[in-house]
């Protein structure tokens, strides 16, 4: 009867309201957070949840995190934006399938709904002097990774447009994976050098949250001011 249908409808609505109220992270981020928690690396110290944000205490910039990001992007992804520096893990040879996937998606001169962007630090910028304590290591590694990226992308003009170089000081690390923001803030020592980020803490929150929107705005501003890699 109409009455029963209405009762059921109200009941379902109430269940949804309760679920939303007690949800640890926004619905858009649940799948990715669950994917990380299913990996022992991230389960050892489980995330802390606050204000619909998942705070992971360790594991940033690790192979396991990048593997999860790329796995998720290749499965159902539309957006993958990377505000990187050297991007060594991405071009270290472990993620060839990502570039094969992008190559496949870029056939017929269109990306078929994929929005991939990757930012490198410009090796000719002044910021290079402040980007790492060990100058003798950092600059050659940055140049070598850019060389690898150019080799990997080759003459694919559509994919070439996905890479740019910035010259500003990087005060936060923003990775957009579809509707999730993976976020970390580097700590600077007394001389202004950022400390190593590998295996440090990071956060995951929704791209549609106020913080998420702010991250998207910041990334877009840096992207618009950056110069082409190719």
N, C-alpha and C. Protein backbone atom coordinates (compact mmCIF):
# COMPACT_ATOMS: atom_id res chain seq x y z
N UNK A 1 0.84 -1.19 0.00
CA UNK A 1 0.00 0.00 0.00
C UNK A 1 0.88 1.24 0.00
N UNK A 2 0.24 2.37 -0.28
CA UNK A 2 0.95 3.66 -0.30
C UNK A 2 1.56 3.94 1.07
N UNK A 3 0.77 3.64 2.12
CA UNK A 3 1.22 3.88 3.49
C UNK A 3 2.50 3.09 3.81
N UNK A 4 2.49 1.80 3.41
CA UNK A 4 3.66 0.94 3.66
C UNK A 4 4.87 1.44 2.88
N UNK A 5 4.65 1.84 1.63
CA UNK A 5 5.74 2.35 0.79
C UNK A 5 6.35 3.62 1.41
N UNK A 6 5.47 4.47 1.93
CA UNK A 6 5.93 5.71 2.55
C UNK A 6 6.73 5.43 3.82
N UNK A 7 6.23 4.47 4.62
CA UNK A 7 6.95 4.07 5.84
C UNK A 7 8.35 3.56 5.49
N UNK A 8 8.40 2.69 4.47
CA UNK A 8 9.67 2.11 4.05
C UNK A 8 10.61 3.19 3.52
N UNK A 9 10.06 4.10 2.73
CA UNK A 9 10.84 5.20 2.16
C UNK A 9 11.43 6.07 3.28
N UNK A 10 10.61 6.39 4.28
CA UNK A 10 11.08 7.20 5.41
C UNK A 10 12.15 6.47 6.22
N UNK A 11 11.96 5.15 6.35
CA UNK A 11 12.90 4.33 7.09
C UNK A 11 14.27 4.33 6.39
N UNK A 12 14.25 4.14 5.06
CA UNK A 12 15.50 4.13 4.27
C UNK A 12 16.19 5.49 4.35
N UNK A 13 15.38 6.54 4.27
CA UNK A 13 15.92 7.90 4.35
C UNK A 13 16.61 8.12 5.70
N UNK A 14 15.96 7.64 6.75
CA UNK A 14 16.52 7.79 8.11
C UNK A 14 17.83 7.01 8.26
N UNK A 15 17.84 5.80 7.71
CA UNK A 15 19.07 4.98 7.74
C UNK A 15 20.20 5.73 7.03
N UNK A 16 19.90 6.30 5.86
CA UNK A 16 20.91 7.05 5.11
C UNK A 16 21.41 8.25 5.90
N UNK A 17 20.50 8.93 6.59
CA UNK A 17 20.88 10.10 7.39
C UNK A 17 21.81 9.68 8.54
N UNK A 18 21.49 8.56 9.18
CA UNK A 18 22.33 8.07 10.28
C UNK A 18 23.71 7.65 9.76
N UNK A 19 23.69 6.96 8.62
CA UNK A 19 24.96 6.51 8.03
C UNK A 19 25.83 7.71 7.70
N UNK A 20 25.23 8.75 7.12
CA UNK A 20 25.97 9.96 6.74
C UNK A 20 26.52 10.66 7.98
N UNK A 21 25.70 10.71 9.03
CA UNK A 21 26.11 11.40 10.25
C UNK A 21 27.33 10.73 10.89
N UNK A 22 27.34 9.40 10.88
CA UNK A 22 28.42 8.68 11.57
C UNK A 22 29.51 8.18 10.61
N UNK A 23 29.43 8.59 9.37
CA UNK A 23 30.44 8.20 8.38
C UNK A 23 31.80 8.78 8.78
N UNK A 24 32.84 7.98 8.71
CA UNK A 24 34.16 8.46 9.14
C UNK A 24 34.79 9.41 8.12
N UNK A 25 34.61 9.11 6.85
CA UNK A 25 35.09 10.00 5.79
C UNK A 25 33.95 10.21 4.81
N UNK A 26 34.08 11.22 3.97
CA UNK A 26 33.05 11.44 2.95
C UNK A 26 32.93 10.21 2.06
N UNK A 27 31.73 9.96 1.59
CA UNK A 27 31.45 8.78 0.77
C UNK A 27 32.41 8.65 -0.39
N UNK A 28 32.80 9.80 -0.98
CA UNK A 28 33.68 9.78 -2.15
C UNK A 28 35.06 9.20 -1.85
N UNK A 29 35.47 9.24 -0.57
CA UNK A 29 36.81 8.77 -0.20
C UNK A 29 36.81 7.38 0.42
N UNK A 30 35.63 6.85 0.70
CA UNK A 30 35.56 5.57 1.43
C UNK A 30 36.30 4.44 0.72
N UNK A 31 36.08 4.31 -0.57
CA UNK A 31 36.69 3.18 -1.30
C UNK A 31 38.21 3.23 -1.23
N UNK A 32 38.76 4.44 -1.42
CA UNK A 32 40.22 4.55 -1.43
C UNK A 32 40.80 4.33 -0.04
N UNK A 33 40.15 4.89 0.98
CA UNK A 33 40.62 4.68 2.36
C UNK A 33 40.54 3.18 2.70
N UNK A 34 39.45 2.52 2.29
CA UNK A 34 39.32 1.07 2.53
C UNK A 34 40.42 0.27 1.82
N UNK A 35 40.77 0.73 0.60
CA UNK A 35 41.83 0.07 -0.16
C UNK A 35 43.16 0.16 0.60
N UNK A 36 43.44 1.32 1.18
CA UNK A 36 44.68 1.49 1.95
C UNK A 36 44.65 0.62 3.21
N UNK A 37 43.51 0.62 3.91
CA UNK A 37 43.42 -0.12 5.16
C UNK A 37 43.55 -1.63 4.92
N UNK A 38 43.17 -2.08 3.73
CA UNK A 38 43.29 -3.51 3.42
C UNK A 38 44.75 -3.92 3.22
N UNK A 39 45.65 -2.91 3.12
CA UNK A 39 47.08 -3.18 2.95
C UNK A 39 47.75 -3.13 4.33
N UNK A 40 48.49 -4.17 4.67
CA UNK A 40 49.13 -4.24 6.00
C UNK A 40 49.99 -3.03 6.34
N UNK A 41 50.59 -2.43 5.31
CA UNK A 41 51.44 -1.26 5.54
C UNK A 41 50.70 -0.16 6.28
N UNK A 42 49.43 0.04 5.90
CA UNK A 42 48.66 1.14 6.47
C UNK A 42 47.79 0.68 7.65
N UNK A 43 47.68 -0.64 7.83
CA UNK A 43 46.81 -1.15 8.89
C UNK A 43 47.53 -1.19 10.24
N UNK A 44 48.85 -1.28 10.20
CA UNK A 44 49.62 -1.40 11.45
C UNK A 44 49.29 -0.25 12.39
N UNK A 45 49.32 0.97 11.87
CA UNK A 45 48.86 2.12 12.64
C UNK A 45 47.63 2.66 11.93
N UNK A 46 46.46 2.22 12.36
CA UNK A 46 45.22 2.58 11.67
C UNK A 46 45.02 4.08 11.66
N UNK A 47 44.32 4.57 10.65
CA UNK A 47 44.11 6.02 10.58
C UNK A 47 43.21 6.54 11.71
N UNK A 48 43.39 7.81 12.00
CA UNK A 48 42.53 8.52 12.94
C UNK A 48 41.54 9.30 12.10
N UNK A 49 40.30 9.32 12.51
CA UNK A 49 39.27 10.05 11.74
C UNK A 49 38.82 11.29 12.51
N UNK A 50 38.80 12.41 11.81
CA UNK A 50 38.30 13.63 12.42
C UNK A 50 37.76 14.55 11.33
N UNK A 51 36.57 15.08 11.53
CA UNK A 51 35.95 16.00 10.55
C UNK A 51 35.95 15.44 9.13
N UNK A 52 35.55 14.17 9.02
CA UNK A 52 35.45 13.50 7.71
C UNK A 52 36.80 13.42 6.98
N UNK A 53 37.87 13.46 7.76
CA UNK A 53 39.22 13.34 7.21
C UNK A 53 39.88 12.11 7.83
N UNK A 54 40.59 11.34 7.00
CA UNK A 54 41.37 10.20 7.50
C UNK A 54 42.82 10.64 7.65
N UNK A 55 43.34 10.57 8.87
CA UNK A 55 44.73 10.94 9.14
C UNK A 55 45.56 9.66 9.27
N UNK A 56 46.41 9.42 8.28
CA UNK A 56 47.31 8.26 8.33
C UNK A 56 48.61 8.70 8.99
N UNK A 57 49.11 7.90 9.91
CA UNK A 57 50.27 8.30 10.72
C UNK A 57 51.60 7.98 10.05
N UNK A 58 51.54 7.22 8.99
CA UNK A 58 52.77 6.81 8.30
C UNK A 58 52.42 6.39 6.86
N UNK A 59 53.43 6.22 6.02
CA UNK A 59 53.20 5.62 4.70
C UNK A 59 53.16 6.57 3.52
N UNK A 60 53.37 7.88 3.76
CA UNK A 60 53.30 8.81 2.62
C UNK A 60 54.50 8.61 1.69
N UNK A 61 54.28 8.83 0.39
CA UNK A 61 55.34 8.73 -0.62
C UNK A 61 55.96 7.34 -0.71
N UNK A 62 55.30 6.33 -0.15
CA UNK A 62 55.85 4.97 -0.24
C UNK A 62 55.39 4.32 -1.54
N UNK A 63 56.07 3.26 -1.91
CA UNK A 63 55.68 2.50 -3.10
C UNK A 63 54.24 2.00 -2.94
N UNK A 64 53.89 1.55 -1.72
CA UNK A 64 52.55 1.01 -1.48
C UNK A 64 51.46 2.05 -1.71
N UNK A 65 51.72 3.29 -1.29
CA UNK A 65 50.71 4.34 -1.50
C UNK A 65 50.57 4.64 -2.99
N UNK A 66 51.70 4.77 -3.69
CA UNK A 66 51.63 5.04 -5.13
C UNK A 66 50.94 3.89 -5.88
N UNK A 67 51.23 2.68 -5.45
CA UNK A 67 50.60 1.51 -6.09
C UNK A 67 49.08 1.59 -5.93
N UNK A 68 48.62 1.94 -4.72
CA UNK A 68 47.18 2.07 -4.46
C UNK A 68 46.56 3.19 -5.28
N UNK A 69 47.26 4.32 -5.37
CA UNK A 69 46.76 5.47 -6.16
C UNK A 69 46.61 5.07 -7.62
N UNK A 70 47.63 4.44 -8.16
CA UNK A 70 47.61 4.10 -9.59
C UNK A 70 46.61 2.99 -9.88
N UNK A 71 46.55 2.02 -8.98
CA UNK A 71 45.56 0.93 -9.11
C UNK A 71 44.14 1.52 -9.15
N UNK A 72 43.87 2.43 -8.24
CA UNK A 72 42.55 3.04 -8.14
C UNK A 72 42.24 3.89 -9.38
N UNK A 73 43.23 4.66 -9.82
CA UNK A 73 43.05 5.52 -11.00
C UNK A 73 42.80 4.69 -12.26
N UNK A 74 43.55 3.62 -12.42
CA UNK A 74 43.41 2.79 -13.63
C UNK A 74 42.11 1.98 -13.63
N UNK A 75 41.55 1.78 -12.44
CA UNK A 75 40.33 0.99 -12.34
C UNK A 75 39.10 1.82 -12.71
N UNK A 76 38.96 2.97 -12.11
CA UNK A 76 37.76 3.78 -12.39
C UNK A 76 38.07 5.27 -12.50
N UNK A 77 39.35 5.62 -12.59
CA UNK A 77 39.74 7.02 -12.42
C UNK A 77 39.42 7.96 -13.56
N UNK A 78 39.19 9.20 -13.17
CA UNK A 78 39.09 10.30 -14.12
C UNK A 78 40.20 11.31 -13.88
N UNK A 79 40.41 11.67 -12.59
CA UNK A 79 41.42 12.67 -12.26
C UNK A 79 42.62 12.04 -11.55
N UNK A 80 43.81 12.42 -11.99
CA UNK A 80 45.02 12.18 -11.22
C UNK A 80 45.92 13.40 -11.41
N UNK A 81 45.97 14.24 -10.37
CA UNK A 81 46.80 15.45 -10.39
C UNK A 81 47.90 15.27 -9.36
N UNK A 82 49.13 15.53 -9.75
CA UNK A 82 50.27 15.31 -8.85
C UNK A 82 51.10 16.60 -8.75
N UNK A 83 51.14 17.15 -7.55
CA UNK A 83 51.99 18.31 -7.27
C UNK A 83 53.26 17.74 -6.66
N UNK A 84 54.13 17.24 -7.54
CA UNK A 84 55.33 16.54 -7.10
C UNK A 84 56.54 17.46 -7.08
N UNK A 85 57.71 16.83 -7.05
CA UNK A 85 58.95 17.59 -7.07
C UNK A 85 59.89 16.89 -8.04
N UNK A 86 60.38 15.70 -7.63
CA UNK A 86 61.19 14.89 -8.55
C UNK A 86 60.35 13.82 -9.22
N UNK A 87 59.29 13.38 -8.55
CA UNK A 87 58.42 12.31 -9.08
C UNK A 87 59.19 11.03 -9.39
N UNK A 88 60.21 10.76 -8.58
CA UNK A 88 61.06 9.59 -8.84
C UNK A 88 60.31 8.27 -8.74
N UNK A 89 59.40 8.18 -7.77
CA UNK A 89 58.69 6.90 -7.60
C UNK A 89 57.81 6.60 -8.80
N UNK A 90 57.27 7.66 -9.37
CA UNK A 90 56.39 7.50 -10.53
C UNK A 90 57.17 7.01 -11.75
N UNK A 91 58.41 7.50 -11.88
CA UNK A 91 59.20 7.17 -13.07
C UNK A 91 60.36 6.22 -12.76
N UNK A 92 60.25 5.49 -11.65
CA UNK A 92 61.33 4.57 -11.28
C UNK A 92 61.27 3.24 -12.00
N UNK A 93 60.29 3.05 -12.85
CA UNK A 93 60.18 1.80 -13.60
C UNK A 93 59.13 0.84 -13.07
N UNK A 94 58.53 1.17 -11.91
CA UNK A 94 57.54 0.27 -11.32
C UNK A 94 56.13 0.45 -11.88
N UNK A 95 55.89 1.57 -12.54
CA UNK A 95 54.51 1.88 -12.94
C UNK A 95 54.37 2.06 -14.46
N UNK A 96 55.05 1.18 -15.16
CA UNK A 96 54.98 1.23 -16.61
C UNK A 96 53.53 1.07 -17.09
N UNK A 97 52.75 0.26 -16.33
CA UNK A 97 51.35 0.02 -16.75
C UNK A 97 50.54 1.31 -16.76
N UNK A 98 50.89 2.27 -15.88
CA UNK A 98 50.19 3.57 -15.88
C UNK A 98 50.41 4.28 -17.20
N UNK A 99 51.65 4.28 -17.67
CA UNK A 99 51.96 5.01 -18.90
C UNK A 99 51.45 4.27 -20.14
N UNK A 100 51.41 2.95 -20.06
CA UNK A 100 50.77 2.18 -21.14
C UNK A 100 49.28 2.52 -21.20
N UNK A 101 48.68 2.63 -20.03
CA UNK A 101 47.25 2.97 -19.91
C UNK A 101 46.97 4.37 -20.48
N UNK A 102 47.82 5.33 -20.10
CA UNK A 102 47.65 6.71 -20.60
C UNK A 102 47.87 6.76 -22.11
N UNK A 103 48.84 6.00 -22.56
CA UNK A 103 49.12 5.93 -24.01
C UNK A 103 47.89 5.40 -24.76
N UNK A 104 47.31 4.36 -24.20
CA UNK A 104 46.11 3.74 -24.79
C UNK A 104 44.94 4.73 -24.79
N UNK A 105 44.79 5.46 -23.65
CA UNK A 105 43.68 6.42 -23.53
C UNK A 105 43.85 7.60 -24.48
N UNK A 106 45.11 7.91 -24.84
CA UNK A 106 45.36 9.11 -25.64
C UNK A 106 45.32 8.83 -27.15
N UNK A 107 44.94 7.63 -27.53
CA UNK A 107 44.83 7.33 -28.96
C UNK A 107 43.75 8.20 -29.59
N UNK A 108 43.85 8.43 -30.87
CA UNK A 108 42.89 9.25 -31.62
C UNK A 108 42.84 10.70 -31.09
N UNK A 109 43.96 11.10 -30.47
CA UNK A 109 44.12 12.50 -30.05
C UNK A 109 43.07 13.01 -29.08
N UNK A 110 42.58 12.14 -28.22
CA UNK A 110 41.69 12.60 -27.13
C UNK A 110 41.88 11.69 -25.93
N UNK A 111 41.65 12.26 -24.74
CA UNK A 111 41.97 11.51 -23.52
C UNK A 111 40.79 10.73 -22.96
N UNK A 112 39.65 10.76 -23.64
CA UNK A 112 38.48 9.97 -23.21
C UNK A 112 38.13 10.19 -21.74
N UNK A 113 38.03 11.45 -21.35
CA UNK A 113 37.56 11.76 -20.00
C UNK A 113 38.62 11.68 -18.91
N UNK A 114 39.87 11.41 -19.28
CA UNK A 114 40.95 11.33 -18.28
C UNK A 114 41.60 12.71 -18.14
N UNK A 115 41.81 13.13 -16.90
CA UNK A 115 42.49 14.40 -16.64
C UNK A 115 43.71 14.10 -15.77
N UNK A 116 44.84 13.87 -16.45
CA UNK A 116 46.10 13.55 -15.76
C UNK A 116 47.02 14.76 -15.84
N UNK A 117 47.55 15.19 -14.70
CA UNK A 117 48.48 16.33 -14.67
C UNK A 117 49.60 16.01 -13.68
N UNK A 118 50.81 16.35 -14.07
CA UNK A 118 51.95 16.07 -13.21
C UNK A 118 52.89 17.27 -13.21
N UNK A 119 53.18 17.79 -12.02
CA UNK A 119 54.05 18.95 -11.87
C UNK A 119 55.42 18.53 -11.34
N UNK A 120 56.47 18.99 -12.02
CA UNK A 120 57.85 18.84 -11.57
C UNK A 120 58.36 20.19 -11.09
N UNK A 121 59.34 20.18 -10.21
CA UNK A 121 60.06 21.41 -9.90
C UNK A 121 60.98 21.73 -11.08
N UNK A 122 61.00 22.98 -11.49
CA UNK A 122 61.85 23.40 -12.60
C UNK A 122 63.32 23.36 -12.15
N UNK A 123 64.16 22.54 -12.82
CA UNK A 123 65.56 22.44 -12.38
C UNK A 123 66.34 23.74 -12.56
N UNK A 124 65.81 24.67 -13.37
CA UNK A 124 66.50 25.94 -13.58
C UNK A 124 66.01 27.05 -12.65
N UNK A 125 65.11 26.71 -11.73
CA UNK A 125 64.55 27.75 -10.85
C UNK A 125 65.44 27.97 -9.63
N UNK A 126 65.31 29.12 -9.00
CA UNK A 126 66.05 29.41 -7.76
C UNK A 126 65.65 28.47 -6.65
N UNK A 127 64.41 28.01 -6.70
CA UNK A 127 63.87 27.16 -5.62
C UNK A 127 64.65 25.86 -5.47
N UNK A 128 65.33 25.42 -6.54
CA UNK A 128 66.12 24.19 -6.50
C UNK A 128 67.14 24.25 -5.35
N UNK A 129 67.68 25.43 -5.08
CA UNK A 129 68.70 25.59 -4.02
C UNK A 129 68.11 25.36 -2.63
N UNK A 130 66.80 25.52 -2.51
CA UNK A 130 66.15 25.38 -1.19
C UNK A 130 65.30 24.12 -1.07
N UNK A 131 65.28 23.30 -2.14
CA UNK A 131 64.36 22.17 -2.19
C UNK A 131 64.88 20.93 -1.47
N UNK A 132 66.20 20.89 -1.20
CA UNK A 132 66.76 19.70 -0.58
C UNK A 132 68.09 20.04 0.08
N UNK A 133 68.34 19.41 1.22
CA UNK A 133 69.61 19.66 1.93
C UNK A 133 70.81 19.26 1.09
N UNK A 134 70.68 18.13 0.39
CA UNK A 134 71.81 17.59 -0.36
C UNK A 134 71.72 17.99 -1.84
N UNK A 135 72.24 19.17 -2.13
CA UNK A 135 72.19 19.71 -3.49
C UNK A 135 72.84 18.78 -4.50
N UNK A 136 73.97 18.18 -4.09
CA UNK A 136 74.72 17.34 -5.02
C UNK A 136 73.93 16.11 -5.45
N UNK A 137 72.95 15.71 -4.61
CA UNK A 137 72.11 14.56 -4.94
C UNK A 137 70.83 15.01 -5.63
N UNK A 138 70.21 16.06 -5.08
CA UNK A 138 68.87 16.44 -5.52
C UNK A 138 68.80 16.83 -7.00
N UNK A 139 69.67 17.76 -7.41
CA UNK A 139 69.57 18.28 -8.78
C UNK A 139 69.82 17.20 -9.84
N UNK A 140 70.87 16.37 -9.69
CA UNK A 140 71.05 15.29 -10.68
C UNK A 140 69.85 14.33 -10.73
N UNK A 141 69.27 14.04 -9.55
CA UNK A 141 68.10 13.13 -9.52
C UNK A 141 66.90 13.76 -10.22
N UNK A 142 66.69 15.05 -9.97
CA UNK A 142 65.58 15.77 -10.62
C UNK A 142 65.75 15.75 -12.14
N UNK A 143 66.96 16.07 -12.60
CA UNK A 143 67.23 16.10 -14.05
C UNK A 143 67.09 14.71 -14.67
N UNK A 144 67.57 13.70 -13.93
CA UNK A 144 67.50 12.32 -14.44
C UNK A 144 66.05 11.86 -14.56
N UNK A 145 65.21 12.24 -13.57
CA UNK A 145 63.80 11.81 -13.62
C UNK A 145 63.07 12.52 -14.75
N UNK A 146 63.39 13.80 -14.97
CA UNK A 146 62.77 14.53 -16.09
C UNK A 146 63.17 13.88 -17.41
N UNK A 147 64.42 13.46 -17.49
CA UNK A 147 64.90 12.78 -18.71
C UNK A 147 64.13 11.47 -18.92
N UNK A 148 63.92 10.73 -17.81
CA UNK A 148 63.16 9.47 -17.89
C UNK A 148 61.72 9.73 -18.32
N UNK A 149 61.14 10.80 -17.77
CA UNK A 149 59.75 11.16 -18.12
C UNK A 149 59.65 11.48 -19.61
N UNK A 150 60.61 12.22 -20.11
CA UNK A 150 60.60 12.59 -21.54
C UNK A 150 60.75 11.36 -22.42
N UNK A 151 61.60 10.43 -21.97
CA UNK A 151 61.78 9.18 -22.72
C UNK A 151 60.50 8.35 -22.69
N UNK A 152 59.87 8.29 -21.50
CA UNK A 152 58.65 7.48 -21.32
C UNK A 152 57.50 8.02 -22.17
N UNK A 153 57.34 9.32 -22.21
CA UNK A 153 56.21 9.94 -22.93
C UNK A 153 56.49 10.03 -24.43
N UNK A 154 57.77 10.18 -24.78
CA UNK A 154 58.15 10.20 -26.19
C UNK A 154 57.52 11.36 -26.94
N UNK A 155 57.05 11.08 -28.15
CA UNK A 155 56.51 12.16 -29.00
C UNK A 155 54.98 12.24 -28.95
N UNK A 156 54.38 11.65 -27.92
CA UNK A 156 52.92 11.72 -27.76
C UNK A 156 52.55 13.14 -27.30
N UNK A 157 52.09 13.96 -28.23
CA UNK A 157 51.86 15.38 -27.94
C UNK A 157 50.74 15.60 -26.93
N UNK A 158 49.78 14.70 -26.92
CA UNK A 158 48.67 14.83 -25.97
C UNK A 158 49.17 14.60 -24.53
N UNK A 159 50.00 13.57 -24.35
CA UNK A 159 50.55 13.29 -23.03
C UNK A 159 51.60 14.33 -22.62
N UNK A 160 52.31 14.88 -23.59
CA UNK A 160 53.30 15.92 -23.28
C UNK A 160 52.65 17.11 -22.57
N UNK A 161 51.40 17.39 -22.94
CA UNK A 161 50.68 18.53 -22.34
C UNK A 161 50.30 18.27 -20.87
N UNK A 162 50.45 17.04 -20.42
CA UNK A 162 50.08 16.68 -19.04
C UNK A 162 51.19 17.00 -18.04
N UNK A 163 52.33 17.50 -18.53
CA UNK A 163 53.48 17.75 -17.64
C UNK A 163 53.90 19.21 -17.70
N UNK A 164 54.09 19.78 -16.51
CA UNK A 164 54.58 21.16 -16.42
C UNK A 164 55.60 21.28 -15.29
N UNK A 165 56.33 22.41 -15.30
CA UNK A 165 57.34 22.67 -14.27
C UNK A 165 57.03 23.98 -13.55
N UNK A 166 57.07 23.95 -12.22
CA UNK A 166 56.82 25.15 -11.43
C UNK A 166 58.13 25.65 -10.83
N UNK A 167 58.15 26.91 -10.42
CA UNK A 167 59.36 27.51 -9.84
C UNK A 167 59.14 28.03 -8.43
N UNK A 168 57.91 27.92 -7.94
CA UNK A 168 57.60 28.43 -6.60
C UNK A 168 58.05 27.47 -5.51
N UNK A 169 58.04 27.92 -4.27
CA UNK A 169 58.34 27.08 -3.12
C UNK A 169 57.14 26.18 -2.86
N UNK A 170 57.36 24.89 -2.71
CA UNK A 170 56.26 23.94 -2.48
C UNK A 170 56.04 23.81 -0.98
N UNK A 171 54.94 24.36 -0.50
CA UNK A 171 54.67 24.36 0.94
C UNK A 171 53.65 23.30 1.34
N UNK A 172 53.08 22.62 0.36
CA UNK A 172 52.18 21.51 0.66
C UNK A 172 52.19 20.56 -0.53
N UNK A 173 51.87 19.32 -0.25
CA UNK A 173 51.85 18.32 -1.31
C UNK A 173 50.40 17.93 -1.53
N UNK A 174 49.96 18.09 -2.76
CA UNK A 174 48.56 17.84 -3.10
C UNK A 174 48.52 16.80 -4.22
N UNK A 175 47.82 15.71 -3.96
CA UNK A 175 47.54 14.72 -5.02
C UNK A 175 46.03 14.62 -5.10
N UNK A 176 45.49 14.85 -6.26
CA UNK A 176 44.05 14.66 -6.45
C UNK A 176 43.84 13.32 -7.14
N UNK A 177 43.10 12.45 -6.49
CA UNK A 177 42.71 11.17 -7.08
C UNK A 177 41.19 11.18 -7.15
N UNK A 178 40.67 11.47 -8.31
CA UNK A 178 39.22 11.62 -8.49
C UNK A 178 38.65 12.59 -7.47
N UNK A 179 37.80 12.11 -6.58
CA UNK A 179 37.17 13.02 -5.61
C UNK A 179 37.85 12.99 -4.25
N UNK A 180 39.08 12.47 -4.20
CA UNK A 180 39.86 12.46 -2.96
C UNK A 180 41.06 13.40 -3.11
N UNK A 181 41.40 14.03 -2.01
CA UNK A 181 42.66 14.76 -1.94
C UNK A 181 43.57 14.01 -0.96
N UNK A 182 44.77 13.69 -1.42
CA UNK A 182 45.78 13.08 -0.57
C UNK A 182 46.78 14.22 -0.28
N UNK A 183 46.93 14.53 0.98
CA UNK A 183 47.56 15.80 1.35
C UNK A 183 48.63 15.62 2.43
N UNK A 184 49.73 16.33 2.28
CA UNK A 184 50.76 16.34 3.32
C UNK A 184 51.46 17.70 3.30
N UNK A 185 52.00 18.06 4.43
CA UNK A 185 52.68 19.35 4.56
C UNK A 185 54.13 19.08 4.95
N UNK A 186 55.09 19.52 4.14
CA UNK A 186 56.48 19.29 4.53
C UNK A 186 56.87 20.14 5.74
N UNK A 187 57.78 19.61 6.55
CA UNK A 187 58.33 20.39 7.67
C UNK A 187 59.69 20.92 7.23
N UNK A 188 59.93 22.16 7.52
CA UNK A 188 61.19 22.79 7.12
C UNK A 188 62.12 22.91 8.32
N UNK A 189 63.42 22.68 8.09
CA UNK A 189 64.38 22.82 9.20
C UNK A 189 64.74 24.30 9.38
N UNK A 190 65.68 24.56 10.31
CA UNK A 190 66.01 25.95 10.64
C UNK A 190 66.65 26.70 9.46
N UNK A 191 67.16 25.94 8.48
CA UNK A 191 67.75 26.58 7.29
C UNK A 191 66.77 26.69 6.13
N UNK A 192 65.51 26.27 6.39
CA UNK A 192 64.48 26.40 5.36
C UNK A 192 64.41 25.24 4.39
N UNK A 193 65.14 24.13 4.68
CA UNK A 193 65.08 22.96 3.79
C UNK A 193 63.95 22.02 4.24
N UNK A 194 63.16 21.52 3.29
CA UNK A 194 62.11 20.57 3.69
C UNK A 194 62.72 19.24 4.10
N UNK A 195 62.14 18.64 5.14
CA UNK A 195 62.62 17.32 5.57
C UNK A 195 62.03 16.24 4.68
N UNK A 196 62.64 15.07 4.72
CA UNK A 196 62.19 13.96 3.87
C UNK A 196 60.73 13.61 4.14
N UNK A 197 59.98 13.34 3.08
CA UNK A 197 58.55 13.06 3.22
C UNK A 197 58.23 11.56 3.18
N UNK A 198 59.19 10.74 2.74
CA UNK A 198 58.89 9.31 2.61
C UNK A 198 58.54 8.69 3.96
N UNK A 199 57.40 8.02 3.97
CA UNK A 199 56.90 7.29 5.14
C UNK A 199 56.41 8.22 6.26
N UNK A 200 56.13 9.47 5.94
CA UNK A 200 55.58 10.37 6.95
C UNK A 200 54.06 10.32 6.94
N UNK A 201 53.43 11.16 7.77
CA UNK A 201 51.97 11.15 7.88
C UNK A 201 51.32 11.91 6.71
N UNK A 202 50.06 11.60 6.47
CA UNK A 202 49.31 12.28 5.41
C UNK A 202 47.82 12.20 5.71
N UNK A 203 47.05 12.98 4.97
CA UNK A 203 45.60 13.03 5.19
C UNK A 203 44.87 12.71 3.88
N UNK A 204 43.65 12.23 4.04
CA UNK A 204 42.76 12.04 2.88
C UNK A 204 41.43 12.68 3.21
N UNK A 205 40.98 13.57 2.33
CA UNK A 205 39.66 14.19 2.51
C UNK A 205 39.02 14.44 1.15
N UNK A 206 37.77 14.79 1.17
CA UNK A 206 36.99 14.91 -0.06
C UNK A 206 37.38 16.16 -0.85
N UNK A 207 37.42 16.00 -2.16
CA UNK A 207 37.72 17.14 -3.05
C UNK A 207 36.59 18.17 -3.04
N UNK A 208 35.40 17.75 -2.63
CA UNK A 208 34.28 18.70 -2.62
C UNK A 208 34.11 19.40 -1.27
N UNK A 209 34.94 19.03 -0.28
CA UNK A 209 34.91 19.72 1.01
C UNK A 209 35.55 21.10 0.85
N UNK A 210 35.35 22.02 1.80
CA UNK A 210 35.99 23.34 1.67
C UNK A 210 37.52 23.23 1.53
N UNK A 211 38.14 22.34 2.31
CA UNK A 211 39.61 22.16 2.18
C UNK A 211 39.98 21.58 0.82
N UNK A 212 39.15 20.64 0.36
CA UNK A 212 39.40 20.03 -0.95
C UNK A 212 39.31 21.05 -2.06
N UNK A 213 38.30 21.91 -1.99
CA UNK A 213 38.13 22.96 -3.01
C UNK A 213 39.30 23.93 -3.00
N UNK A 214 39.79 24.22 -1.80
CA UNK A 214 40.95 25.11 -1.66
C UNK A 214 42.20 24.46 -2.29
N UNK A 215 42.37 23.16 -2.09
CA UNK A 215 43.51 22.44 -2.69
C UNK A 215 43.42 22.45 -4.21
N UNK A 216 42.22 22.25 -4.73
CA UNK A 216 42.03 22.26 -6.18
C UNK A 216 42.36 23.64 -6.75
N UNK A 217 41.92 24.67 -6.02
CA UNK A 217 42.20 26.05 -6.46
C UNK A 217 43.72 26.31 -6.46
N UNK A 218 44.39 25.87 -5.39
CA UNK A 218 45.85 26.08 -5.30
C UNK A 218 46.58 25.34 -6.42
N UNK A 219 46.20 24.07 -6.61
CA UNK A 219 46.85 23.28 -7.66
C UNK A 219 46.65 23.96 -9.02
N UNK A 220 45.42 24.40 -9.29
CA UNK A 220 45.10 25.02 -10.59
C UNK A 220 45.91 26.29 -10.80
N UNK A 221 46.08 27.09 -9.74
CA UNK A 221 46.87 28.32 -9.86
C UNK A 221 48.32 28.01 -10.19
N UNK A 222 48.88 27.00 -9.50
CA UNK A 222 50.28 26.62 -9.75
C UNK A 222 50.42 26.06 -11.17
N UNK A 223 49.46 25.24 -11.56
CA UNK A 223 49.46 24.65 -12.91
C UNK A 223 49.42 25.75 -13.97
N UNK A 224 48.58 26.74 -13.77
CA UNK A 224 48.43 27.82 -14.76
C UNK A 224 49.66 28.69 -14.88
N UNK A 225 50.43 28.76 -13.80
CA UNK A 225 51.65 29.58 -13.84
C UNK A 225 52.89 28.76 -14.26
N UNK A 226 52.75 27.44 -14.30
CA UNK A 226 53.89 26.57 -14.62
C UNK A 226 54.16 26.58 -16.12
N UNK A 227 55.39 26.18 -16.47
CA UNK A 227 55.77 26.14 -17.90
C UNK A 227 55.78 24.69 -18.38
N UNK A 228 55.65 24.51 -19.68
CA UNK A 228 55.59 23.16 -20.26
C UNK A 228 56.91 22.43 -20.04
N UNK A 229 56.82 21.13 -19.78
CA UNK A 229 58.01 20.31 -19.61
C UNK A 229 58.62 19.99 -20.97
N UNK A 230 57.76 19.83 -21.96
CA UNK A 230 58.23 19.45 -23.31
C UNK A 230 58.31 20.66 -24.23
